[in-house]
Amino acid sequence: MASIQPFVHLLAWVSFIWSLGIADSLPTPVVDSLHHKQISPINNFFMQSYYDRYKNLHDSDYENFLSQEVSSGLCEPDNLDFVLRLSDLKRNLTGEGSHRTVSTSIKFQIKSLSELLSYSCEFIIIERLPSGVFADPFELQHLVQRGVFSDIAVFGDTNLELPSFMSNRSAVEIHLVVDPNVLQRPTDLNIELPLHARYQSLNESGYSTVEFGAPDMLARCNTKEKVENPYCFFKLEKDGVNLYGPRIVWRIPSGIKTHANLVSAFTFIAASLSTLAIVVSSLYYSNS
């Protein structure tokens, strides 16, 4: 029995090192999401109305819904576009690996500050995420608690464990309450949205590409003098806006299809050695 003890210790040590390597290679959200529970969206979000009508996020359905909701009804103010317009919109993708951040810098052009001060407004940024990436609702709620955003919610497919080919698109709605006096200064309104990559399908290049378009900017306002008036949505148009990097591309690593058999064989051998080490160790120590 003593002659196999070094072999048992070696197998146990290899199994331990291998298991550490596998655990470290897993994306953090997949591991952490085992403790997550689904949260229900709040009814005062714009995207909640969309998902009350549609099951999945499709650009054509969303554009129709947006045009109907923003232009329907008689609202005050009649047209916020005459008071506040977008001036500059800059987009950038920062970070590395499977956890990255979409950064958006926004600059406004105020035509009449005194008129804008008569409104009570909340800015809404809607990010329609491409297939293959997701936002963690629980991570975003920590940003709300820290005062980074006024409110935020994720709509659509919020299952954090599904791979890319089994998941649907999702959308993130960000709410911000900004002092109008701040908007007239020559400073940008900076928004950073942390995102995570899903497991990608196998291909020959070893990478999958996802592309982000420019977000939708809305304002929900009513007049301070007539607080009984309902809040109305207004879309801040991007026509004539200075766009910098309106479309950003994220190359996400994926498995190479030709390596699938080799990886499967290595995984089987490593799992077999680990199982053997556990069985032999259990027999050895139970006998001793």
C-alpha atoms as a PDB file:
ATOM      1  CA  MET A   1       0.000   0.000   0.000  1.00  0.00           C
ATOM      2  CA  ALA A   2       2.883   2.357   0.771  1.00  0.00           C
ATOM      3  CA  SER A   3       4.225   1.960  -2.761  1.00  0.00           C
ATOM      4  CA  ILE A   4       1.179   3.606  -4.340  1.00  0.00           C
ATOM      5  CA  GLN A   5       1.048   6.504  -1.899  1.00  0.00           C
ATOM      6  CA  PRO A   6       3.244   8.841  -4.019  1.00  0.00           C
ATOM      7  CA  PHE A   7       1.135   7.976  -7.072  1.00  0.00           C
ATOM      8  CA  VAL A   8      -2.056   8.790  -5.166  1.00  0.00           C
ATOM      9  CA  HIS A   9      -0.643  12.095  -3.979  1.00  0.00           C
ATOM     10  CA  LEU A  10       0.476  12.960  -7.511  1.00  0.00           C
ATOM     11  CA  LEU A  11      -2.967  12.239  -8.985  1.00  0.00           C
ATOM     12  CA  ALA A  12      -4.656  14.232  -6.258  1.00  0.00           C
ATOM     13  CA  TRP A  13      -2.329  17.171  -6.839  1.00  0.00           C
ATOM     14  CA  VAL A  14      -2.907  17.088 -10.637  1.00  0.00           C
ATOM     15  CA  SER A  15      -6.664  16.927 -10.083  1.00  0.00           C
ATOM     16  CA  PHE A  16      -6.512  19.906  -7.723  1.00  0.00           C
ATOM     17  CA  ILE A  17      -4.442  22.043 -10.115  1.00  0.00           C
ATOM     18  CA  TRP A  18      -6.651  21.126 -13.081  1.00  0.00           C
ATOM     19  CA  SER A  19      -9.839  21.997 -11.205  1.00  0.00           C
ATOM     20  CA  LEU A  20      -8.381  25.390 -10.283  1.00  0.00           C
ATOM     21  CA  GLY A  21      -7.565  26.083 -13.904  1.00  0.00           C
ATOM     22  CA  ILE A  22     -11.062  25.187 -15.046  1.00  0.00           C
ATOM     23  CA  ALA A  23     -12.662  27.358 -12.352  1.00  0.00           C
ATOM     24  CA  ASP A  24     -10.463  30.334 -13.225  1.00  0.00           C
ATOM     25  CA  SER A  25     -11.308  30.029 -16.916  1.00  0.00           C
ATOM     26  CA  LEU A  26     -15.072  30.272 -16.359  1.00  0.00           C
ATOM     27  CA  PRO A  27     -16.609  33.700 -16.996  1.00  0.00           C
ATOM     28  CA  THR A  28     -17.405  35.358 -13.677  1.00  0.00           C
ATOM     29  CA  PRO A  29     -21.115  35.991 -14.388  1.00  0.00           C
ATOM     30  CA  VAL A  30     -21.720  32.306 -15.114  1.00  0.00           C
ATOM     31  CA  VAL A  31     -20.285  31.293 -11.759  1.00  0.00           C
ATOM     32  CA  ASP A  32     -21.889  34.089  -9.780  1.00  0.00           C
ATOM     33  CA  SER A  33     -25.255  33.723 -11.478  1.00  0.00           C
ATOM     34  CA  LEU A  34     -25.875  30.440  -9.698  1.00  0.00           C
ATOM     35  CA  HIS A  35     -26.931  32.570  -6.730  1.00  0.00           C
ATOM     36  CA  HIS A  36     -29.047  34.976  -8.792  1.00  0.00           C
ATOM     37  CA  LYS A  37     -32.800  35.108  -8.883  1.00  0.00           C
ATOM     38  CA  GLN A  38     -34.847  36.705 -11.629  1.00  0.00           C
ATOM     39  CA  ILE A  39     -36.081  40.223 -10.867  1.00  0.00           C
ATOM     40  CA  SER A  40     -39.271  41.602 -12.344  1.00  0.00           C
ATOM     41  CA  PRO A  41     -39.127  44.829 -14.358  1.00  0.00           C
ATOM     42  CA  ILE A  42     -40.650  47.983 -12.948  1.00  0.00           C
ATOM     43  CA  ASN A  43     -43.803  49.202 -14.666  1.00  0.00           C
ATOM     44  CA  ASN A  44     -42.675  52.817 -15.096  1.00  0.00           C
ATOM     45  CA  PHE A  45     -40.059  51.831 -17.682  1.00  0.00           C
ATOM     46  CA  PHE A  46     -40.603  52.599 -21.348  1.00  0.00           C
ATOM     47  CA  MET A  47     -39.411  49.151 -22.469  1.00  0.00           C
ATOM     48  CA  GLN A  48     -41.920  47.465 -20.175  1.00  0.00           C
ATOM     49  CA  SER A  49     -44.682  48.687 -22.484  1.00  0.00           C
ATOM     50  CA  TYR A  50     -42.851  47.205 -25.452  1.00  0.00           C
ATOM     51  CA  TYR A  51     -42.516  43.771 -23.829  1.00  0.00           C
ATOM     52  CA  ASP A  52     -46.160  43.877 -22.808  1.00  0.00           C
ATOM     53  CA  ARG A  53     -46.915  43.730 -26.550  1.00  0.00           C
ATOM     54  CA  TYR A  54     -43.985  41.798 -28.002  1.00  0.00           C
ATOM     55  CA  LYS A  55     -42.261  38.668 -26.798  1.00  0.00           C
ATOM     56  CA  ASN A  56     -38.782  39.285 -28.262  1.00  0.00           C
ATOM     57  CA  LEU A  57     -36.744  42.290 -29.293  1.00  0.00           C
ATOM     58  CA  HIS A  58     -36.787  42.857 -33.053  1.00  0.00           C
ATOM     59  CA  ASP A  59     -35.597  46.129 -34.536  1.00  0.00           C
ATOM     60  CA  SER A  60     -38.586  46.503 -36.876  1.00  0.00           C
ATOM     61  CA  ASP A  61     -41.123  45.967 -34.072  1.00  0.00           C
ATOM     62  CA  TYR A  62     -39.202  48.294 -31.790  1.00  0.00           C
ATOM     63  CA  GLU A  63     -38.980  51.106 -34.356  1.00  0.00           C
ATOM     64  CA  ASN A  64     -42.731  50.917 -34.992  1.00  0.00           C
ATOM     65  CA  PHE A  65     -43.460  50.899 -31.279  1.00  0.00           C
ATOM     66  CA  LEU A  66     -41.116  53.839 -30.665  1.00  0.00           C
ATOM     67  CA  SER A  67     -42.657  55.994 -33.384  1.00  0.00           C
ATOM     68  CA  GLN A  68     -46.179  55.273 -32.113  1.00  0.00           C
ATOM     69  CA  GLU A  69     -45.471  55.870 -28.427  1.00  0.00           C
ATOM     70  CA  VAL A  70     -43.425  59.029 -28.850  1.00  0.00           C
ATOM     71  CA  SER A  71     -45.760  60.744 -31.326  1.00  0.00           C
ATOM     72  CA  SER A  72     -49.121  59.630 -29.916  1.00  0.00           C
ATOM     73  CA  GLY A  73     -51.327  61.846 -27.809  1.00  0.00           C
ATOM     74  CA  LEU A  74     -51.378  65.561 -27.010  1.00  0.00           C
ATOM     75  CA  CYS A  75     -48.583  66.429 -24.621  1.00  0.00           C
ATOM     76  CA  GLU A  76     -47.033  69.445 -23.034  1.00  0.00           C
ATOM     77  CA  PRO A  77     -44.472  70.633 -23.906  1.00  0.00           C
ATOM     78  CA  ASP A  78     -45.473  70.235 -27.547  1.00  0.00           C
ATOM     79  CA  ASN A  79     -41.928  69.708 -28.841  1.00  0.00           C
ATOM     80  CA  LEU A  80     -38.896  69.586 -26.596  1.00  0.00           C
ATOM     81  CA  ASP A  81     -36.673  69.501 -29.671  1.00  0.00           C
ATOM     82  CA  PHE A  82     -36.976  73.282 -29.943  1.00  0.00           C
ATOM     83  CA  VAL A  83     -35.499  73.659 -26.469  1.00  0.00           C
ATOM     84  CA  LEU A  84     -32.939  70.854 -26.129  1.00  0.00           C
ATOM     85  CA  ARG A  85     -31.001  69.037 -28.859  1.00  0.00           C
ATOM     86  CA  LEU A  86     -28.170  66.538 -29.015  1.00  0.00           C
ATOM     87  CA  SER A  87     -24.877  68.089 -30.077  1.00  0.00           C
ATOM     88  CA  ASP A  88     -22.199  65.377 -29.821  1.00  0.00           C
ATOM     89  CA  LEU A  89     -22.371  61.629 -29.256  1.00  0.00           C
ATOM     90  CA  LYS A  90     -19.188  59.626 -28.718  1.00  0.00           C
ATOM     91  CA  ARG A  91     -19.064  55.847 -28.333  1.00  0.00           C
ATOM     92  CA  ASN A  92     -16.225  53.616 -27.217  1.00  0.00           C
ATOM     93  CA  LEU A  93     -15.639  50.039 -26.052  1.00  0.00           C
ATOM     94  CA  THR A  94     -13.200  49.672 -23.159  1.00  0.00           C
ATOM     95  CA  GLY A  95     -11.792  46.732 -21.222  1.00  0.00           C
ATOM     96  CA  GLU A  96     -10.551  43.323 -22.256  1.00  0.00           C
ATOM     97  CA  GLY A  97     -11.734  39.726 -22.396  1.00  0.00           C
ATOM     98  CA  SER A  98     -15.337  38.718 -21.735  1.00  0.00           C
ATOM     99  CA  HIS A  99     -16.159  41.668 -19.457  1.00  0.00           C
ATOM    100  CA  ARG A 100     -16.133  45.043 -21.156  1.00  0.00           C
ATOM    101  CA  THR A 101     -17.782  48.456 -20.899  1.00  0.00           C
ATOM    102  CA  VAL A 102     -19.628  50.499 -23.500  1.00  0.00           C
ATOM    103  CA  SER A 103     -18.837  54.162 -22.826  1.00  0.00           C
ATOM    104  CA  THR A 104     -21.098  56.913 -24.165  1.00  0.00           C
ATOM    105  CA  SER A 105     -20.356  60.634 -23.944  1.00  0.00           C
ATOM    106  CA  ILE A 106     -23.233  62.995 -24.715  1.00  0.00           C
ATOM    107  CA  LYS A 107     -23.198  66.747 -25.196  1.00  0.00           C
ATOM    108  CA  PHE A 108     -26.398  68.808 -25.430  1.00  0.00           C
ATOM    109  CA  GLN A 109     -27.261  72.069 -27.113  1.00  0.00           C
ATOM    110  CA  ILE A 110     -29.675  74.198 -25.110  1.00  0.00           C
ATOM    111  CA  LYS A 111     -31.602  76.775 -27.116  1.00  0.00           C
ATOM    112  CA  SER A 112     -33.509  78.292 -24.209  1.00  0.00           C
ATOM    113  CA  LEU A 113     -32.372  77.581 -20.655  1.00  0.00           C
ATOM    114  CA  SER A 114     -35.215  79.570 -19.084  1.00  0.00           C
ATOM    115  CA  GLU A 115     -37.775  77.538 -21.009  1.00  0.00           C
ATOM    116  CA  LEU A 116     -36.021  74.266 -20.178  1.00  0.00           C
ATOM    117  CA  LEU A 117     -36.069  75.160 -16.472  1.00  0.00           C
ATOM    118  CA  SER A 118     -39.872  75.285 -16.645  1.00  0.00           C
ATOM    119  CA  TYR A 119     -39.939  71.554 -17.416  1.00  0.00           C
ATOM    120  CA  SER A 120     -39.412  68.586 -15.142  1.00  0.00           C
ATOM    121  CA  CYS A 121     -37.496  66.048 -17.234  1.00  0.00           C
ATOM    122  CA  GLU A 122     -35.847  62.674 -16.913  1.00  0.00           C
ATOM    123  CA  PHE A 123     -33.429  61.415 -19.551  1.00  0.00           C
ATOM    124  CA  ILE A 124     -33.752  57.835 -20.771  1.00  0.00           C
ATOM    125  CA  ILE A 125     -31.049  55.949 -22.668  1.00  0.00           C
ATOM    126  CA  ILE A 126     -32.063  52.668 -24.308  1.00  0.00           C
ATOM    127  CA  GLU A 127     -29.310  50.268 -25.367  1.00  0.00           C
ATOM    128  CA  ARG A 128     -30.481  47.480 -27.658  1.00  0.00           C
ATOM    129  CA  LEU A 129     -27.851  44.827 -27.081  1.00  0.00           C
ATOM    130  CA  PRO A 130     -26.768  42.554 -29.929  1.00  0.00           C
ATOM    131  CA  SER A 131     -27.058  38.807 -29.618  1.00  0.00           C
ATOM    132  CA  GLY A 132     -24.095  37.322 -27.776  1.00  0.00           C
ATOM    133  CA  VAL A 133     -23.743  39.848 -24.942  1.00  0.00           C
ATOM    134  CA  PHE A 134     -25.793  40.618 -21.843  1.00  0.00           C
ATOM    135  CA  ALA A 135     -25.985  43.013 -18.920  1.00  0.00           C
ATOM    136  CA  ASP A 136     -26.187  41.663 -15.387  1.00  0.00           C
ATOM    137  CA  PRO A 137     -29.292  43.211 -13.707  1.00  0.00           C
ATOM    138  CA  PHE A 138     -27.854  42.717 -10.248  1.00  0.00           C
ATOM    139  CA  GLU A 139     -24.583  44.395 -11.135  1.00  0.00           C
ATOM    140  CA  LEU A 140     -26.507  47.354 -12.578  1.00  0.00           C
ATOM    141  CA  GLN A 141     -28.637  47.700  -9.461  1.00  0.00           C
ATOM    142  CA  HIS A 142     -25.437  48.278  -7.470  1.00  0.00           C
ATOM    143  CA  LEU A 143     -24.770  51.273  -9.733  1.00  0.00           C
ATOM    144  CA  VAL A 144     -28.217  52.646  -8.878  1.00  0.00           C
ATOM    145  CA  GLN A 145     -27.518  52.194  -5.168  1.00  0.00           C
ATOM    146  CA  ARG A 146     -24.261  54.113  -5.587  1.00  0.00           C
ATOM    147  CA  GLY A 147     -26.097  56.971  -7.324  1.00  0.00           C
ATOM    148  CA  VAL A 148     -24.512  56.441 -10.760  1.00  0.00           C
ATOM    149  CA  PHE A 149     -27.963  56.137 -12.381  1.00  0.00           C
ATOM    150  CA  SER A 150     -31.395  57.253 -11.205  1.00  0.00           C
ATOM    151  CA  ASP A 151     -32.830  53.884 -12.186  1.00  0.00           C
ATOM    152  CA  ILE A 152     -32.054  51.049 -14.578  1.00  0.00           C
ATOM    153  CA  ALA A 153     -33.566  47.769 -15.758  1.00  0.00           C
ATOM    154  CA  VAL A 154     -32.803  44.958 -18.187  1.00  0.00           C
ATOM    155  CA  PHE A 155     -35.560  43.621 -20.436  1.00  0.00           C
ATOM    156  CA  GLY A 156     -35.679  40.558 -22.636  1.00  0.00           C
ATOM    157  CA  ASP A 157     -33.502  37.515 -22.049  1.00  0.00           C
ATOM    158  CA  THR A 158     -31.939  37.935 -18.587  1.00  0.00           C
ATOM    159  CA  ASN A 159     -30.864  34.287 -18.233  1.00  0.00           C
ATOM    160  CA  LEU A 160     -27.162  34.786 -17.558  1.00  0.00           C
ATOM    161  CA  GLU A 161     -26.161  31.170 -18.118  1.00  0.00           C
ATOM    162  CA  LEU A 162     -27.433  30.569 -21.652  1.00  0.00           C
ATOM    163  CA  PRO A 163     -24.883  30.402 -24.486  1.00  0.00           C
ATOM    164  CA  SER A 164     -25.209  32.774 -27.415  1.00  0.00           C
ATOM    165  CA  PHE A 165     -26.985  30.356 -29.763  1.00  0.00           C
ATOM    166  CA  MET A 166     -29.716  29.640 -27.176  1.00  0.00           C
ATOM    167  CA  SER A 167     -30.396  33.191 -25.987  1.00  0.00           C
ATOM    168  CA  ASN A 168     -32.437  36.128 -27.281  1.00  0.00           C
ATOM    169  CA  ARG A 169     -31.551  39.794 -27.455  1.00  0.00           C
ATOM    170  CA  SER A 170     -32.030  42.077 -24.486  1.00  0.00           C
ATOM    171  CA  ALA A 171     -32.300  45.819 -23.888  1.00  0.00           C
ATOM    172  CA  VAL A 172     -31.054  48.047 -21.079  1.00  0.00           C
ATOM    173  CA  GLU A 173     -33.015  51.142 -20.078  1.00  0.00           C
ATOM    174  CA  ILE A 174     -31.078  53.779 -18.123  1.00  0.00           C
ATOM    175  CA  HIS A 175     -32.773  56.679 -16.312  1.00  0.00           C
ATOM    176  CA  LEU A 176     -30.937  59.887 -15.420  1.00  0.00           C
ATOM    177  CA  VAL A 177     -32.157  63.028 -13.703  1.00  0.00           C
ATOM    178  CA  VAL A 178     -29.794  65.845 -14.675  1.00  0.00           C
ATOM    179  CA  ASP A 179     -29.792  69.444 -13.513  1.00  0.00           C
ATOM    180  CA  PRO A 180     -30.519  71.646 -16.579  1.00  0.00           C
ATOM    181  CA  ASN A 181     -27.862  74.105 -15.382  1.00  0.00           C
ATOM    182  CA  VAL A 182     -25.286  71.312 -15.791  1.00  0.00           C
ATOM    183  CA  LEU A 183     -26.338  70.685 -19.390  1.00  0.00           C
ATOM    184  CA  GLN A 184     -25.396  74.184 -20.525  1.00  0.00           C
ATOM    185  CA  ARG A 185     -21.784  73.762 -19.424  1.00  0.00           C
ATOM    186  CA  PRO A 186     -19.193  72.543 -21.966  1.00  0.00           C
ATOM    187  CA  THR A 187     -18.931  69.168 -20.268  1.00  0.00           C
ATOM    188  CA  ASP A 188     -20.043  65.763 -21.490  1.00  0.00           C
ATOM    189  CA  LEU A 189     -22.595  63.538 -19.830  1.00  0.00           C
ATOM    190  CA  ASN A 190     -20.688  60.254 -19.480  1.00  0.00           C
ATOM    191  CA  ILE A 191     -22.426  56.877 -19.216  1.00  0.00           C
ATOM    192  CA  GLU A 192     -20.601  53.585 -18.715  1.00  0.00           C
ATOM    193  CA  LEU A 193     -22.526  50.345 -19.132  1.00  0.00           C
ATOM    194  CA  PRO A 194     -20.758  47.117 -18.050  1.00  0.00           C
ATOM    195  CA  LEU A 195     -21.493  44.159 -20.331  1.00  0.00           C
ATOM    196  CA  HIS A 196     -20.525  40.487 -20.479  1.00  0.00           C
ATOM    197  CA  ALA A 197     -20.053  38.055 -23.339  1.00  0.00           C
ATOM    198  CA  ARG A 198     -21.957  34.805 -23.580  1.00  0.00           C
ATOM    199  CA  TYR A 199     -20.376  31.538 -24.669  1.00  0.00           C
ATOM    200  CA  GLN A 200     -20.092  31.748 -28.449  1.00  0.00           C
ATOM    201  CA  SER A 201     -20.726  29.077 -31.071  1.00  0.00           C
ATOM    202  CA  LEU A 202     -17.759  27.176 -32.486  1.00  0.00           C
ATOM    203  CA  ASN A 203     -16.243  28.516 -35.698  1.00  0.00           C
ATOM    204  CA  GLU A 204     -12.996  28.326 -37.656  1.00  0.00           C
ATOM    205  CA  SER A 205     -11.710  31.836 -36.914  1.00  0.00           C
ATOM    206  CA  GLY A 206     -11.789  31.526 -33.125  1.00  0.00           C
ATOM    207  CA  TYR A 207     -13.759  34.778 -32.765  1.00  0.00           C
ATOM    208  CA  SER A 208     -17.362  35.940 -33.009  1.00  0.00           C
ATOM    209  CA  THR A 209     -18.163  39.536 -33.873  1.00  0.00           C
ATOM    210  CA  VAL A 210     -20.987  41.595 -32.369  1.00  0.00           C
ATOM    211  CA  GLU A 211     -21.746  45.166 -33.392  1.00  0.00           C
ATOM    212  CA  PHE A 212     -23.397  47.921 -31.354  1.00  0.00           C
ATOM    213  CA  GLY A 213     -25.438  50.735 -32.856  1.00  0.00           C
ATOM    214  CA  ALA A 214     -26.059  54.140 -31.330  1.00  0.00           C
ATOM    215  CA  PRO A 215     -28.459  54.171 -28.354  1.00  0.00           C
ATOM    216  CA  ASP A 216     -31.893  55.792 -28.382  1.00  0.00           C
ATOM    217  CA  MET A 217     -32.161  58.982 -26.357  1.00  0.00           C
ATOM    218  CA  LEU A 218     -35.526  59.917 -24.870  1.00  0.00           C
ATOM    219  CA  ALA A 219     -36.731  62.573 -22.479  1.00  0.00           C
ATOM    220  CA  ARG A 220     -39.797  62.147 -20.277  1.00  0.00           C
ATOM    221  CA  CYS A 221     -41.062  65.585 -19.311  1.00  0.00           C
ATOM    222  CA  ASN A 222     -43.984  67.637 -18.095  1.00  0.00           C
ATOM    223  CA  THR A 223     -44.393  71.286 -17.173  1.00  0.00           C
ATOM    224  CA  LYS A 224     -43.745  72.265 -13.556  1.00  0.00           C
ATOM    225  CA  GLU A 225     -46.668  74.699 -13.580  1.00  0.00           C
ATOM    226  CA  LYS A 226     -49.121  71.963 -14.591  1.00  0.00           C
ATOM    227  CA  VAL A 227     -48.097  69.024 -12.463  1.00  0.00           C
ATOM    228  CA  GLU A 228     -51.397  67.309 -13.186  1.00  0.00           C
ATOM    229  CA  ASN A 229     -50.373  66.827 -16.831  1.00  0.00           C
ATOM    230  CA  PRO A 230     -49.068  63.343 -17.601  1.00  0.00           C
ATOM    231  CA  TYR A 231     -45.433  62.815 -18.440  1.00  0.00           C
ATOM    232  CA  CYS A 232     -44.760  62.509 -22.161  1.00  0.00           C
ATOM    233  CA  PHE A 233     -41.909  60.911 -24.069  1.00  0.00           C
ATOM    234  CA  PHE A 234     -39.811  62.849 -26.563  1.00  0.00           C
ATOM    235  CA  LYS A 235     -37.116  61.357 -28.738  1.00  0.00           C
ATOM    236  CA  LEU A 236     -33.909  63.346 -29.026  1.00  0.00           C
ATOM    237  CA  GLU A 237     -33.083  62.977 -32.697  1.00  0.00           C
ATOM    238  CA  LYS A 238     -29.573  62.055 -33.831  1.00  0.00           C
ATOM    239  CA  ASP A 239     -29.967  63.800 -37.208  1.00  0.00           C
ATOM    240  CA  GLY A 240     -27.304  66.473 -37.561  1.00  0.00           C
ATOM    241  CA  VAL A 241     -25.466  65.256 -34.454  1.00  0.00           C
ATOM    242  CA  ASN A 242     -21.679  64.885 -34.489  1.00  0.00           C
ATOM    243  CA  LEU A 243     -21.301  61.113 -34.139  1.00  0.00           C
ATOM    244  CA  TYR A 244     -17.956  59.637 -33.088  1.00  0.00           C
ATOM    245  CA  GLY A 245     -17.792  55.858 -33.253  1.00  0.00           C
ATOM    246  CA  PRO A 246     -21.572  55.362 -33.600  1.00  0.00           C
ATOM    247  CA  ARG A 247     -20.969  51.682 -34.355  1.00  0.00           C
ATOM    248  CA  ILE A 248     -18.531  49.739 -32.231  1.00  0.00           C
ATOM    249  CA  VAL A 249     -17.433  46.128 -32.728  1.00  0.00           C
ATOM    250  CA  TRP A 250     -16.611  43.551 -30.056  1.00  0.00           C
ATOM    251  CA  ARG A 251     -14.617  40.487 -31.153  1.00  0.00           C
ATOM    252  CA  ILE A 252     -15.452  37.751 -28.645  1.00  0.00           C
ATOM    253  CA  PRO A 253     -13.195  34.675 -28.408  1.00  0.00           C
ATOM    254  CA  SER A 254     -14.910  31.407 -29.269  1.00  0.00           C
ATOM    255  CA  GLY A 255     -13.884  27.789 -29.628  1.00  0.00           C
ATOM    256  CA  ILE A 256     -12.308  26.597 -32.881  1.00  0.00           C
ATOM    257  CA  LYS A 257     -14.355  23.790 -34.422  1.00  0.00           C
ATOM    258  CA  THR A 258     -11.322  21.754 -35.514  1.00  0.00           C
ATOM    259  CA  HIS A 259     -10.069  21.672 -31.905  1.00  0.00           C
ATOM    260  CA  ALA A 260     -13.306  20.214 -30.523  1.00  0.00           C
ATOM    261  CA  ASN A 261     -12.167  16.565 -30.615  1.00  0.00           C
ATOM    262  CA  LEU A 262      -8.817  17.347 -28.971  1.00  0.00           C
ATOM    263  CA  VAL A 263     -10.451  19.381 -26.209  1.00  0.00           C
ATOM    264  CA  SER A 264     -13.042  16.660 -25.614  1.00  0.00           C
ATOM    265  CA  ALA A 265     -10.345  13.982 -25.359  1.00  0.00           C
ATOM    266  CA  PHE A 266      -8.239  16.060 -22.959  1.00  0.00           C
ATOM    267  CA  THR A 267     -11.286  16.844 -20.824  1.00  0.00           C
ATOM    268  CA  PHE A 268     -12.225  13.156 -20.660  1.00  0.00           C
ATOM    269  CA  ILE A 269      -8.690  12.137 -19.638  1.00  0.00           C
ATOM    270  CA  ALA A 270      -8.443  14.868 -16.998  1.00  0.00           C
ATOM    271  CA  ALA A 271     -11.867  14.013 -15.586  1.00  0.00           C
ATOM    272  CA  SER A 272     -10.969  10.296 -15.480  1.00  0.00           C
ATOM    273  CA  LEU A 273      -7.702  10.987 -13.644  1.00  0.00           C
ATOM    274  CA  SER A 274      -9.490  13.217 -11.182  1.00  0.00           C
ATOM    275  CA  THR A 275     -12.130  10.559 -10.512  1.00  0.00           C
ATOM    276  CA  LEU A 276      -9.453   7.880 -10.115  1.00  0.00           C
ATOM    277  CA  ALA A 277      -7.505  10.043  -7.684  1.00  0.00           C
ATOM    278  CA  ILE A 278     -10.594  10.625  -5.550  1.00  0.00           C
ATOM    279  CA  VAL A 279     -11.532   6.918  -5.506  1.00  0.00           C
ATOM    280  CA  VAL A 280      -7.999   5.714  -4.682  1.00  0.00           C
ATOM    281  CA  SER A 281      -7.561   8.372  -2.007  1.00  0.00           C
ATOM    282  CA  SER A 282     -10.867   7.406  -0.409  1.00  0.00           C
ATOM    283  CA  LEU A 283      -9.929   3.703  -0.369  1.00  0.00           C
ATOM    284  CA  TYR A 284      -6.457   4.386   0.988  1.00  0.00           C
ATOM    285  CA  TYR A 285      -7.524   6.638   3.849  1.00  0.00           C
ATOM    286  CA  SER A 286     -10.537   4.501   4.760  1.00  0.00           C
ATOM    287  CA  ASN A 287      -8.270   1.459   5.111  1.00  0.00           C
ATOM    288  CA  SER A 288      -5.661   3.349   7.093  1.00  0.00           C
END
